[in-house]
Amino acid sequence: MINDVSSALTAYQQALGRISGLPQMDKADKAESQPKETFGDMVKTAVEEATSTVKQAETLSMLGIAGKADVQDVVMAISNAEHTLETVVAFRDSAIKAYREIIQMTI
């Protein structure tokens, strides 16, 4: 989150520098402000974790049906999977909303 904020600040500073003629950051400053993990990497990791949570819930559900898993564990796993799915859907909806707002911007 902090890397995202610092990246955004760097981009705003560069844009302001181009507009107002102020000097831009040198290469050493740019190297320090580069995020170690990109937004794409962060999304990929989140999707992998969500997939893992859902797969775990499916596995426990199958074990529960076979009578080999505790009912509480099955319910918790399904609850976690449901929460994960709701989070993914909320993120997707926010991304689509942001995309639509960007598309409607005038240049």
PDB file of N, CA and C in Angstrom:
ATOM      1  N   MET A   1       0.825  -1.184   0.000  1.00  0.00           N
ATOM      2  CA  MET A   1       0.000   0.000   0.000  1.00  0.00           C
ATOM      3  C   MET A   1       0.870   1.248   0.000  1.00  0.00           C
ATOM      4  N   ILE A   2       1.920   1.259   0.819  1.00  0.00           N
ATOM      5  CA  ILE A   2       2.807   2.417   0.885  1.00  0.00           C
ATOM      6  C   ILE A   2       3.527   2.605  -0.448  1.00  0.00           C
ATOM      7  N   ASN A   3       3.941   1.507  -1.070  1.00  0.00           N
ATOM      8  CA  ASN A   3       4.595   1.599  -2.369  1.00  0.00           C
ATOM      9  C   ASN A   3       3.659   2.183  -3.415  1.00  0.00           C
ATOM     10  N   ASP A   4       2.365   1.819  -3.373  1.00  0.00           N
ATOM     11  CA  ASP A   4       1.398   2.364  -4.304  1.00  0.00           C
ATOM     12  C   ASP A   4       1.257   3.866  -4.114  1.00  0.00           C
ATOM     13  N   VAL A   5       1.210   4.305  -2.863  1.00  0.00           N
ATOM     14  CA  VAL A   5       1.080   5.726  -2.568  1.00  0.00           C
ATOM     15  C   VAL A   5       2.320   6.478  -3.027  1.00  0.00           C
ATOM     16  N   SER A   6       3.501   5.922  -2.745  1.00  0.00           N
ATOM     17  CA  SER A   6       4.724   6.614  -3.154  1.00  0.00           C
ATOM     18  C   SER A   6       4.853   6.637  -4.671  1.00  0.00           C
ATOM     19  N   SER A   7       4.405   5.596  -5.344  1.00  0.00           N
ATOM     20  CA  SER A   7       4.420   5.584  -6.809  1.00  0.00           C
ATOM     21  C   SER A   7       3.483   6.646  -7.367  1.00  0.00           C
ATOM     22  N   ALA A   8       2.318   6.771  -6.754  1.00  0.00           N
ATOM     23  CA  ALA A   8       1.367   7.781  -7.199  1.00  0.00           C
ATOM     24  C   ALA A   8       1.927   9.183  -6.974  1.00  0.00           C
ATOM     25  N   LEU A   9       2.546   9.401  -5.815  1.00  0.00           N
ATOM     26  CA  LEU A   9       3.146  10.710  -5.539  1.00  0.00           C
ATOM     27  C   LEU A   9       4.246  11.030  -6.533  1.00  0.00           C
ATOM     28  N   THR A  10       5.067  10.037  -6.865  1.00  0.00           N
ATOM     29  CA  THR A  10       6.132  10.234  -7.833  1.00  0.00           C
ATOM     30  C   THR A  10       5.556  10.614  -9.186  1.00  0.00           C
ATOM     31  N   ALA A  11       4.501   9.933  -9.601  1.00  0.00           N
ATOM     32  CA  ALA A  11       3.867  10.236 -10.887  1.00  0.00           C
ATOM     33  C   ALA A  11       3.294  11.651 -10.892  1.00  0.00           C
ATOM     34  N   TYR A  12       2.662  12.052  -9.789  1.00  0.00           N
ATOM     35  CA  TYR A  12       2.119  13.408  -9.707  1.00  0.00           C
ATOM     36  C   TYR A  12       3.232  14.454  -9.742  1.00  0.00           C
ATOM     37  N   GLN A  13       4.343  14.177  -9.054  1.00  0.00           N
ATOM     38  CA  GLN A  13       5.468  15.111  -9.074  1.00  0.00           C
ATOM     39  C   GLN A  13       6.037  15.253 -10.472  1.00  0.00           C
ATOM     40  N   GLN A  14       6.160  14.160 -11.175  1.00  0.00           N
ATOM     41  CA  GLN A  14       6.691  14.207 -12.530  1.00  0.00           C
ATOM     42  C   GLN A  14       5.757  14.980 -13.452  1.00  0.00           C
ATOM     43  N   ALA A  15       4.453  14.734 -13.318  1.00  0.00           N
ATOM     44  CA  ALA A  15       3.483  15.452 -14.141  1.00  0.00           C
ATOM     45  C   ALA A  15       3.511  16.937 -13.824  1.00  0.00           C
ATOM     46  N   LEU A  16       3.582  17.281 -12.557  1.00  0.00           N
ATOM     47  CA  LEU A  16       3.644  18.683 -12.151  1.00  0.00           C
ATOM     48  C   LEU A  16       4.923  19.329 -12.664  1.00  0.00           C
ATOM     49  N   GLY A  17       6.028  18.585 -12.613  1.00  0.00           N
ATOM     50  CA  GLY A  17       7.298  19.106 -13.113  1.00  0.00           C
ATOM     51  C   GLY A  17       7.244  19.404 -14.601  1.00  0.00           C
ATOM     52  N   ARG A  18       6.585  18.536 -15.361  1.00  0.00           N
ATOM     53  CA  ARG A  18       6.457  18.771 -16.797  1.00  0.00           C
ATOM     54  C   ARG A  18       5.590  19.985 -17.081  1.00  0.00           C
ATOM     55  N   ILE A  19       4.557  20.168 -16.277  1.00  0.00           N
ATOM     56  CA  ILE A  19       3.641  21.285 -16.497  1.00  0.00           C
ATOM     57  C   ILE A  19       4.284  22.605 -16.086  1.00  0.00           C
ATOM     58  N   SER A  20       4.913  22.626 -14.927  1.00  0.00           N
ATOM     59  CA  SER A  20       5.430  23.888 -14.389  1.00  0.00           C
ATOM     60  C   SER A  20       6.893  24.135 -14.715  1.00  0.00           C
ATOM     61  N   GLY A  21       7.563  23.189 -15.350  1.00  0.00           N
ATOM     62  CA  GLY A  21       8.958  23.376 -15.707  1.00  0.00           C
ATOM     63  C   GLY A  21       9.917  23.116 -14.557  1.00  0.00           C
ATOM     64  N   LEU A  22       9.451  22.530 -13.448  1.00  0.00           N
ATOM     65  CA  LEU A  22      10.319  22.207 -12.326  1.00  0.00           C
ATOM     66  C   LEU A  22      11.193  21.018 -12.690  1.00  0.00           C
ATOM     67  N   PRO A  23      12.373  20.913 -12.097  1.00  0.00           N
ATOM     68  CA  PRO A  23      13.220  19.769 -12.409  1.00  0.00           C
ATOM     69  C   PRO A  23      12.585  18.471 -11.912  1.00  0.00           C
ATOM     70  N   GLN A  24      12.778  17.409 -12.699  1.00  0.00           N
ATOM     71  CA  GLN A  24      12.242  16.112 -12.320  1.00  0.00           C
ATOM     72  C   GLN A  24      13.242  15.377 -11.457  1.00  0.00           C
ATOM     73  N   MET A  25      12.800  14.298 -10.865  1.00  0.00           N
ATOM     74  CA  MET A  25      13.677  13.496 -10.023  1.00  0.00           C
ATOM     75  C   MET A  25      14.744  12.841 -10.885  1.00  0.00           C
ATOM     76  N   ASP A  26      15.937  12.695 -10.314  1.00  0.00           N
ATOM     77  CA  ASP A  26      16.995  12.034 -11.067  1.00  0.00           C
ATOM     78  C   ASP A  26      16.831  10.513 -10.982  1.00  0.00           C
ATOM     79  N   LYS A  27      17.676   9.776 -11.701  1.00  0.00           N
ATOM     80  CA  LYS A  27      17.545   8.323 -11.790  1.00  0.00           C
ATOM     81  C   LYS A  27      17.707   7.642 -10.433  1.00  0.00           C
ATOM     82  N   ALA A  28      18.542   8.165  -9.556  1.00  0.00           N
ATOM     83  CA  ALA A  28      18.735   7.561  -8.237  1.00  0.00           C
ATOM     84  C   ALA A  28      17.448   7.638  -7.425  1.00  0.00           C
ATOM     85  N   ASP A  29      16.757   8.788  -7.495  1.00  0.00           N
ATOM     86  CA  ASP A  29      15.490   8.928  -6.778  1.00  0.00           C
ATOM     87  C   ASP A  29      14.430   8.002  -7.360  1.00  0.00           C
ATOM     88  N   LYS A  30      14.438   7.870  -8.696  1.00  0.00           N
ATOM     89  CA  LYS A  30      13.461   6.995  -9.343  1.00  0.00           C
ATOM     90  C   LYS A  30      13.681   5.551  -8.943  1.00  0.00           C
ATOM     91  N   ALA A  31      14.922   5.123  -8.847  1.00  0.00           N
ATOM     92  CA  ALA A  31      15.216   3.732  -8.480  1.00  0.00           C
ATOM     93  C   ALA A  31      14.734   3.430  -7.074  1.00  0.00           C
ATOM     94  N   GLU A  32      14.871   4.392  -6.173  1.00  0.00           N
ATOM     95  CA  GLU A  32      14.421   4.185  -4.797  1.00  0.00           C
ATOM     96  C   GLU A  32      12.907   4.131  -4.694  1.00  0.00           C
ATOM     97  N   SER A  33      12.212   4.860  -5.571  1.00  0.00           N
ATOM     98  CA  SER A  33      10.760   4.933  -5.458  1.00  0.00           C
ATOM     99  C   SER A  33      10.051   3.831  -6.236  1.00  0.00           C
ATOM    100  N   GLN A  34      10.786   3.011  -6.985  1.00  0.00           N
ATOM    101  CA  GLN A  34      10.161   1.925  -7.731  1.00  0.00           C
ATOM    102  C   GLN A  34       9.639   0.864  -6.767  1.00  0.00           C
ATOM    103  N   PRO A  35       8.394   0.454  -6.952  1.00  0.00           N
ATOM    104  CA  PRO A  35       7.845  -0.571  -6.065  1.00  0.00           C
ATOM    105  C   PRO A  35       8.516  -1.914  -6.305  1.00  0.00           C
ATOM    106  N   LYS A  36       8.692  -2.658  -5.239  1.00  0.00           N
ATOM    107  CA  LYS A  36       9.304  -3.978  -5.348  1.00  0.00           C
ATOM    108  C   LYS A  36       8.310  -4.962  -5.949  1.00  0.00           C
ATOM    109  N   GLU A  37       7.033  -4.741  -5.686  1.00  0.00           N
ATOM    110  CA  GLU A  37       5.988  -5.598  -6.224  1.00  0.00           C
ATOM    111  C   GLU A  37       5.037  -4.732  -7.040  1.00  0.00           C
ATOM    112  N   THR A  38       4.786  -5.121  -8.266  1.00  0.00           N
ATOM    113  CA  THR A  38       3.900  -4.336  -9.112  1.00  0.00           C
ATOM    114  C   THR A  38       2.447  -4.625  -8.756  1.00  0.00           C
ATOM    115  N   PHE A  39       1.571  -3.795  -9.267  1.00  0.00           N
ATOM    116  CA  PHE A  39       0.140  -3.984  -9.027  1.00  0.00           C
ATOM    117  C   PHE A  39      -0.309  -5.324  -9.596  1.00  0.00           C
ATOM    118  N   GLY A  40       0.209  -5.674 -10.764  1.00  0.00           N
ATOM    119  CA  GLY A  40      -0.133  -6.955 -11.376  1.00  0.00           C
ATOM    120  C   GLY A  40       0.287  -8.129 -10.510  1.00  0.00           C
ATOM    121  N   ASP A  41       1.476  -8.023  -9.909  1.00  0.00           N
ATOM    122  CA  ASP A  41       1.945  -9.084  -9.011  1.00  0.00           C
ATOM    123  C   ASP A  41       1.034  -9.210  -7.791  1.00  0.00           C
ATOM    124  N   MET A  42       0.612  -8.064  -7.277  1.00  0.00           N
ATOM    125  CA  MET A  42      -0.257  -8.064  -6.115  1.00  0.00           C
ATOM    126  C   MET A  42      -1.606  -8.720  -6.446  1.00  0.00           C
ATOM    127  N   VAL A  43      -2.155  -8.388  -7.620  1.00  0.00           N
ATOM    128  CA  VAL A  43      -3.429  -8.977  -8.027  1.00  0.00           C
ATOM    129  C   VAL A  43      -3.263 -10.475  -8.249  1.00  0.00           C
ATOM    130  N   LYS A  44      -2.164 -10.860  -8.898  1.00  0.00           N
ATOM    131  CA  LYS A  44      -1.910 -12.280  -9.152  1.00  0.00           C
ATOM    132  C   LYS A  44      -1.832 -13.058  -7.836  1.00  0.00           C
ATOM    133  N   THR A  45      -1.127 -12.519  -6.857  1.00  0.00           N
ATOM    134  CA  THR A  45      -1.011 -13.172  -5.555  1.00  0.00           C
ATOM    135  C   THR A  45      -2.377 -13.289  -4.885  1.00  0.00           C
ATOM    136  N   ALA A  46      -3.169 -12.233  -4.954  1.00  0.00           N
ATOM    137  CA  ALA A  46      -4.503 -12.257  -4.336  1.00  0.00           C
ATOM    138  C   ALA A  46      -5.397 -13.299  -5.007  1.00  0.00           C
ATOM    139  N   VAL A  47      -5.328 -13.396  -6.324  1.00  0.00           N
ATOM    140  CA  VAL A  47      -6.137 -14.384  -7.041  1.00  0.00           C
ATOM    141  C   VAL A  47      -5.694 -15.802  -6.685  1.00  0.00           C
ATOM    142  N   GLU A  48      -4.388 -16.010  -6.587  1.00  0.00           N
ATOM    143  CA  GLU A  48      -3.879 -17.331  -6.216  1.00  0.00           C
ATOM    144  C   GLU A  48      -4.330 -17.721  -4.807  1.00  0.00           C
ATOM    145  N   GLU A  49      -4.296 -16.765  -3.879  1.00  0.00           N
ATOM    146  CA  GLU A  49      -4.747 -17.038  -2.513  1.00  0.00           C
ATOM    147  C   GLU A  49      -6.253 -17.325  -2.475  1.00  0.00           C
ATOM    148  N   ALA A  50      -7.024 -16.575  -3.269  1.00  0.00           N
ATOM    149  CA  ALA A  50      -8.470 -16.803  -3.317  1.00  0.00           C
ATOM    150  C   ALA A  50      -8.766 -18.183  -3.890  1.00  0.00           C
ATOM    151  N   THR A  51      -8.057 -18.547  -4.932  1.00  0.00           N
ATOM    152  CA  THR A  51      -8.242 -19.867  -5.535  1.00  0.00           C
ATOM    153  C   THR A  51      -7.899 -20.965  -4.541  1.00  0.00           C
ATOM    154  N   SER A  52      -6.825 -20.775  -3.805  1.00  0.00           N
ATOM    155  CA  SER A  52      -6.418 -21.758  -2.804  1.00  0.00           C
ATOM    156  C   SER A  52      -7.478 -21.919  -1.715  1.00  0.00           C
ATOM    157  N   THR A  53      -8.047 -20.802  -1.279  1.00  0.00           N
ATOM    158  CA  THR A  53      -9.085 -20.848  -0.241  1.00  0.00           C
ATOM    159  C   THR A  53     -10.315 -21.607  -0.728  1.00  0.00           C
ATOM    160  N   VAL A  54     -10.719 -21.356  -1.970  1.00  0.00           N
ATOM    161  CA  VAL A  54     -11.896 -22.033  -2.525  1.00  0.00           C
ATOM    162  C   VAL A  54     -11.606 -23.527  -2.712  1.00  0.00           C
ATOM    163  N   LYS A  55     -10.405 -23.858  -3.184  1.00  0.00           N
ATOM    164  CA  LYS A  55     -10.053 -25.275  -3.355  1.00  0.00           C
ATOM    165  C   LYS A  55     -10.039 -26.007  -2.011  1.00  0.00           C
ATOM    166  N   GLN A  56      -9.553 -25.342  -0.987  1.00  0.00           N
ATOM    167  CA  GLN A  56      -9.528 -25.943   0.344  1.00  0.00           C
ATOM    168  C   GLN A  56     -10.956 -26.195   0.825  1.00  0.00           C
ATOM    169  N   ALA A  57     -11.858 -25.254   0.581  1.00  0.00           N
ATOM    170  CA  ALA A  57     -13.252 -25.431   0.978  1.00  0.00           C
ATOM    171  C   ALA A  57     -13.890 -26.593   0.216  1.00  0.00           C
ATOM    172  N   GLU A  58     -13.577 -26.697  -1.070  1.00  0.00           N
ATOM    173  CA  GLU A  58     -14.114 -27.817  -1.856  1.00  0.00           C
ATOM    174  C   GLU A  58     -13.606 -29.151  -1.326  1.00  0.00           C
ATOM    175  N   THR A  59     -12.316 -29.207  -1.016  1.00  0.00           N
ATOM    176  CA  THR A  59     -11.734 -30.446  -0.499  1.00  0.00           C
ATOM    177  C   THR A  59     -12.380 -30.839   0.824  1.00  0.00           C
ATOM    178  N   LEU A  60     -12.501 -29.874   1.739  1.00  0.00           N
ATOM    179  CA  LEU A  60     -13.131 -30.170   3.024  1.00  0.00           C
ATOM    180  C   LEU A  60     -14.602 -30.542   2.869  1.00  0.00           C
ATOM    181  N   SER A  61     -15.283 -29.926   1.902  1.00  0.00           N
ATOM    182  CA  SER A  61     -16.682 -30.277   1.658  1.00  0.00           C
ATOM    183  C   SER A  61     -16.803 -31.735   1.221  1.00  0.00           C
ATOM    184  N   MET A  62     -15.923 -32.146   0.330  1.00  0.00           N
ATOM    185  CA  MET A  62     -15.933 -33.537  -0.134  1.00  0.00           C
ATOM    186  C   MET A  62     -15.628 -34.497   1.018  1.00  0.00           C
ATOM    187  N   LEU A  63     -14.672 -34.113   1.849  1.00  0.00           N
ATOM    188  CA  LEU A  63     -14.365 -34.951   3.011  1.00  0.00           C
ATOM    189  C   LEU A  63     -15.544 -34.993   3.982  1.00  0.00           C
ATOM    190  N   GLY A  64     -16.231 -33.867   4.114  1.00  0.00           N
ATOM    191  CA  GLY A  64     -17.410 -33.810   4.984  1.00  0.00           C
ATOM    192  C   GLY A  64     -18.526 -34.689   4.474  1.00  0.00           C
ATOM    193  N   ILE A  65     -18.733 -34.676   3.147  1.00  0.00           N
ATOM    194  CA  ILE A  65     -19.760 -35.538   2.559  1.00  0.00           C
ATOM    195  C   ILE A  65     -19.426 -37.012   2.799  1.00  0.00           C
ATOM    196  N   ALA A  66     -18.141 -37.329   2.724  1.00  0.00           N
ATOM    197  CA  ALA A  66     -17.708 -38.715   2.945  1.00  0.00           C
ATOM    198  C   ALA A  66     -17.683 -39.066   4.428  1.00  0.00           C
ATOM    199  N   GLY A  67     -17.916 -38.089   5.290  1.00  0.00           N
ATOM    200  CA  GLY A  67     -17.922 -38.336   6.726  1.00  0.00           C
ATOM    201  C   GLY A  67     -16.531 -38.390   7.338  1.00  0.00           C
ATOM    202  N   LYS A  68     -15.547 -37.828   6.649  1.00  0.00           N
ATOM    203  CA  LYS A  68     -14.162 -37.884   7.121  1.00  0.00           C
ATOM    204  C   LYS A  68     -13.652 -36.549   7.662  1.00  0.00           C
ATOM    205  N   ALA A  69     -14.512 -35.543   7.726  1.00  0.00           N
ATOM    206  CA  ALA A  69     -14.085 -34.231   8.229  1.00  0.00           C
ATOM    207  C   ALA A  69     -15.094 -33.740   9.254  1.00  0.00           C
ATOM    208  N   ASP A  70     -14.610 -32.948  10.176  1.00  0.00           N
ATOM    209  CA  ASP A  70     -15.455 -32.361  11.209  1.00  0.00           C
ATOM    210  C   ASP A  70     -16.389 -31.329  10.573  1.00  0.00           C
ATOM    211  N   VAL A  71     -17.625 -31.306  10.991  1.00  0.00           N
ATOM    212  CA  VAL A  71     -18.617 -30.390  10.434  1.00  0.00           C
ATOM    213  C   VAL A  71     -18.202 -28.936  10.653  1.00  0.00           C
ATOM    214  N   GLN A  72     -17.635 -28.637  11.814  1.00  0.00           N
ATOM    215  CA  GLN A  72     -17.186 -27.265  12.095  1.00  0.00           C
ATOM    216  C   GLN A  72     -16.117 -26.823  11.110  1.00  0.00           C
ATOM    217  N   ASP A  73     -15.182 -27.709  10.804  1.00  0.00           N
ATOM    218  CA  ASP A  73     -14.125 -27.367   9.846  1.00  0.00           C
ATOM    219  C   ASP A  73     -14.708 -27.097   8.460  1.00  0.00           C
ATOM    220  N   VAL A  74     -15.686 -27.911   8.074  1.00  0.00           N
ATOM    221  CA  VAL A  74     -16.326 -27.730   6.766  1.00  0.00           C
ATOM    222  C   VAL A  74     -17.051 -26.391   6.715  1.00  0.00           C
ATOM    223  N   VAL A  75     -17.798 -26.076   7.761  1.00  0.00           N
ATOM    224  CA  VAL A  75     -18.545 -24.814   7.800  1.00  0.00           C
ATOM    225  C   VAL A  75     -17.597 -23.623   7.776  1.00  0.00           C
ATOM    226  N   MET A  76     -16.502 -23.693   8.533  1.00  0.00           N
ATOM    227  CA  MET A  76     -15.519 -22.596   8.539  1.00  0.00           C
ATOM    228  C   MET A  76     -14.874 -22.430   7.169  1.00  0.00           C
ATOM    229  N   ALA A  77     -14.525 -23.528   6.531  1.00  0.00           N
ATOM    230  CA  ALA A  77     -13.898 -23.451   5.212  1.00  0.00           C
ATOM    231  C   ALA A  77     -14.851 -22.855   4.184  1.00  0.00           C
ATOM    232  N   ILE A  78     -16.114 -23.264   4.233  1.00  0.00           N
ATOM    233  CA  ILE A  78     -17.104 -22.718   3.298  1.00  0.00           C
ATOM    234  C   ILE A  78     -17.349 -21.237   3.589  1.00  0.00           C
ATOM    235  N   SER A  79     -17.380 -20.873   4.854  1.00  0.00           N
ATOM    236  CA  SER A  79     -17.548 -19.466   5.227  1.00  0.00           C
ATOM    237  C   SER A  79     -16.380 -18.621   4.727  1.00  0.00           C
ATOM    238  N   ASN A  80     -15.157 -19.130   4.883  1.00  0.00           N
ATOM    239  CA  ASN A  80     -13.975 -18.421   4.376  1.00  0.00           C
ATOM    240  C   ASN A  80     -14.019 -18.288   2.859  1.00  0.00           C
ATOM    241  N   ALA A  81     -14.438 -19.344   2.181  1.00  0.00           N
ATOM    242  CA  ALA A  81     -14.537 -19.301   0.722  1.00  0.00           C
ATOM    243  C   ALA A  81     -15.589 -18.286   0.275  1.00  0.00           C
ATOM    244  N   GLU A  82     -16.710 -18.242   0.999  1.00  0.00           N
ATOM    245  CA  GLU A  82     -17.764 -17.281   0.667  1.00  0.00           C
ATOM    246  C   GLU A  82     -17.267 -15.844   0.860  1.00  0.00           C
ATOM    247  N   HIS A  83     -16.572 -15.611   1.957  1.00  0.00           N
ATOM    248  CA  HIS A  83     -16.021 -14.280   2.227  1.00  0.00           C
ATOM    249  C   HIS A  83     -14.997 -13.896   1.145  1.00  0.00           C
ATOM    250  N   THR A  84     -14.169 -14.838   0.762  1.00  0.00           N
ATOM    251  CA  THR A  84     -13.172 -14.594  -0.283  1.00  0.00           C
ATOM    252  C   THR A  84     -13.853 -14.251  -1.601  1.00  0.00           C
ATOM    253  N   LEU A  85     -14.883 -15.004  -1.946  1.00  0.00           N
ATOM    254  CA  LEU A  85     -15.605 -14.741  -3.189  1.00  0.00           C
ATOM    255  C   LEU A  85     -16.260 -13.365  -3.168  1.00  0.00           C
ATOM    256  N   GLU A  86     -16.838 -12.983  -2.046  1.00  0.00           N
ATOM    257  CA  GLU A  86     -17.442 -11.652  -1.924  1.00  0.00           C
ATOM    258  C   GLU A  86     -16.398 -10.557  -2.097  1.00  0.00           C
ATOM    259  N   THR A  87     -15.207 -10.777  -1.556  1.00  0.00           N
ATOM    260  CA  THR A  87     -14.122  -9.806  -1.696  1.00  0.00           C
ATOM    261  C   THR A  87     -13.685  -9.682  -3.154  1.00  0.00           C
ATOM    262  N   VAL A  88     -13.550 -10.811  -3.829  1.00  0.00           N
ATOM    263  CA  VAL A  88     -13.154 -10.811  -5.241  1.00  0.00           C
ATOM    264  C   VAL A  88     -14.197 -10.089  -6.087  1.00  0.00           C
ATOM    265  N   VAL A  89     -15.466 -10.347  -5.831  1.00  0.00           N
ATOM    266  CA  VAL A  89     -16.544  -9.696  -6.582  1.00  0.00           C
ATOM    267  C   VAL A  89     -16.543  -8.189  -6.318  1.00  0.00           C
ATOM    268  N   ALA A  90     -16.323  -7.787  -5.072  1.00  0.00           N
ATOM    269  CA  ALA A  90     -16.277  -6.356  -4.744  1.00  0.00           C
ATOM    270  C   ALA A  90     -15.096  -5.679  -5.443  1.00  0.00           C
ATOM    271  N   PHE A  91     -13.953  -6.351  -5.478  1.00  0.00           N
ATOM    272  CA  PHE A  91     -12.787  -5.797  -6.179  1.00  0.00           C
ATOM    273  C   PHE A  91     -13.079  -5.673  -7.670  1.00  0.00           C
ATOM    274  N   ARG A  92     -13.671  -6.710  -8.235  1.00  0.00           N
ATOM    275  CA  ARG A  92     -14.012  -6.676  -9.660  1.00  0.00           C
ATOM    276  C   ARG A  92     -14.951  -5.525  -9.969  1.00  0.00           C
ATOM    277  N   ASP A  93     -15.992  -5.349  -9.141  1.00  0.00           N
ATOM    278  CA  ASP A  93     -16.948  -4.270  -9.345  1.00  0.00           C
ATOM    279  C   ASP A  93     -16.272  -2.902  -9.254  1.00  0.00           C
ATOM    280  N   SER A  94     -15.355  -2.747  -8.308  1.00  0.00           N
ATOM    281  CA  SER A  94     -14.629  -1.477  -8.172  1.00  0.00           C
ATOM    282  C   SER A  94     -13.734  -1.226  -9.373  1.00  0.00           C
ATOM    283  N   ALA A  95     -13.084  -2.263  -9.861  1.00  0.00           N
ATOM    284  CA  ALA A  95     -12.209  -2.108 -11.027  1.00  0.00           C
ATOM    285  C   ALA A  95     -13.022  -1.733 -12.260  1.00  0.00           C
ATOM    286  N   ILE A  96     -14.170  -2.352 -12.441  1.00  0.00           N
ATOM    287  CA  ILE A  96     -15.029  -2.030 -13.589  1.00  0.00           C
ATOM    288  C   ILE A  96     -15.545  -0.602 -13.481  1.00  0.00           C
ATOM    289  N   LYS A  97     -15.931  -0.196 -12.280  1.00  0.00           N
ATOM    290  CA  LYS A  97     -16.418   1.171 -12.077  1.00  0.00           C
ATOM    291  C   LYS A  97     -15.315   2.183 -12.396  1.00  0.00           C
ATOM    292  N   ALA A  98     -14.098   1.918 -11.918  1.00  0.00           N
ATOM    293  CA  ALA A  98     -12.976   2.819 -12.192  1.00  0.00           C
ATOM    294  C   ALA A  98     -12.673   2.870 -13.681  1.00  0.00           C
ATOM    295  N   TYR A  99     -12.712   1.713 -14.339  1.00  0.00           N
ATOM    296  CA  TYR A  99     -12.463   1.663 -15.776  1.00  0.00           C
ATOM    297  C   TYR A  99     -13.486   2.500 -16.528  1.00  0.00           C
ATOM    298  N   ARG A 100     -14.755   2.357 -16.170  1.00  0.00           N
ATOM    299  CA  ARG A 100     -15.811   3.135 -16.837  1.00  0.00           C
ATOM    300  C   ARG A 100     -15.624   4.634 -16.611  1.00  0.00           C
ATOM    301  N   GLU A 101     -15.211   5.027 -15.406  1.00  0.00           N
ATOM    302  CA  GLU A 101     -14.970   6.447 -15.124  1.00  0.00           C
ATOM    303  C   GLU A 101     -13.809   6.970 -15.954  1.00  0.00           C
ATOM    304  N   ILE A 102     -12.765   6.172 -16.094  1.00  0.00           N
ATOM    305  CA  ILE A 102     -11.612   6.598 -16.890  1.00  0.00           C
ATOM    306  C   ILE A 102     -12.008   6.737 -18.354  1.00  0.00           C
ATOM    307  N   ILE A 103     -12.791   5.805 -18.860  1.00  0.00           N
ATOM    308  CA  ILE A 103     -13.226   5.847 -20.251  1.00  0.00           C
ATOM    309  C   ILE A 103     -14.059   7.100 -20.518  1.00  0.00           C
ATOM    310  N   GLN A 104     -14.844   7.536 -19.555  1.00  0.00           N
ATOM    311  CA  GLN A 104     -15.715   8.687 -19.749  1.00  0.00           C
ATOM    312  C   GLN A 104     -14.996  10.034 -19.568  1.00  0.00           C
ATOM    313  N   MET A 105     -13.744  10.007 -19.120  1.00  0.00           N
ATOM    314  CA  MET A 105     -12.999  11.257 -18.938  1.00  0.00           C
ATOM    315  C   MET A 105     -12.700  11.901 -20.272  1.00  0.00           C
ATOM    316  N   THR A 106     -12.775  13.226 -20.284  1.00  0.00           N
ATOM    317  CA  THR A 106     -12.404  13.960 -21.498  1.00  0.00           C
ATOM    318  C   THR A 106     -10.940  14.330 -21.439  1.00  0.00           C
ATOM    319  N   ILE A 107     -10.337  14.339 -22.574  1.00  0.00           N
ATOM    320  CA  ILE A 107      -8.898  14.670 -22.638  1.00  0.00           C
ATOM    321  C   ILE A 107      -8.705  16.102 -23.033  1.00  0.00           C
TER     322      ILE A 107
END
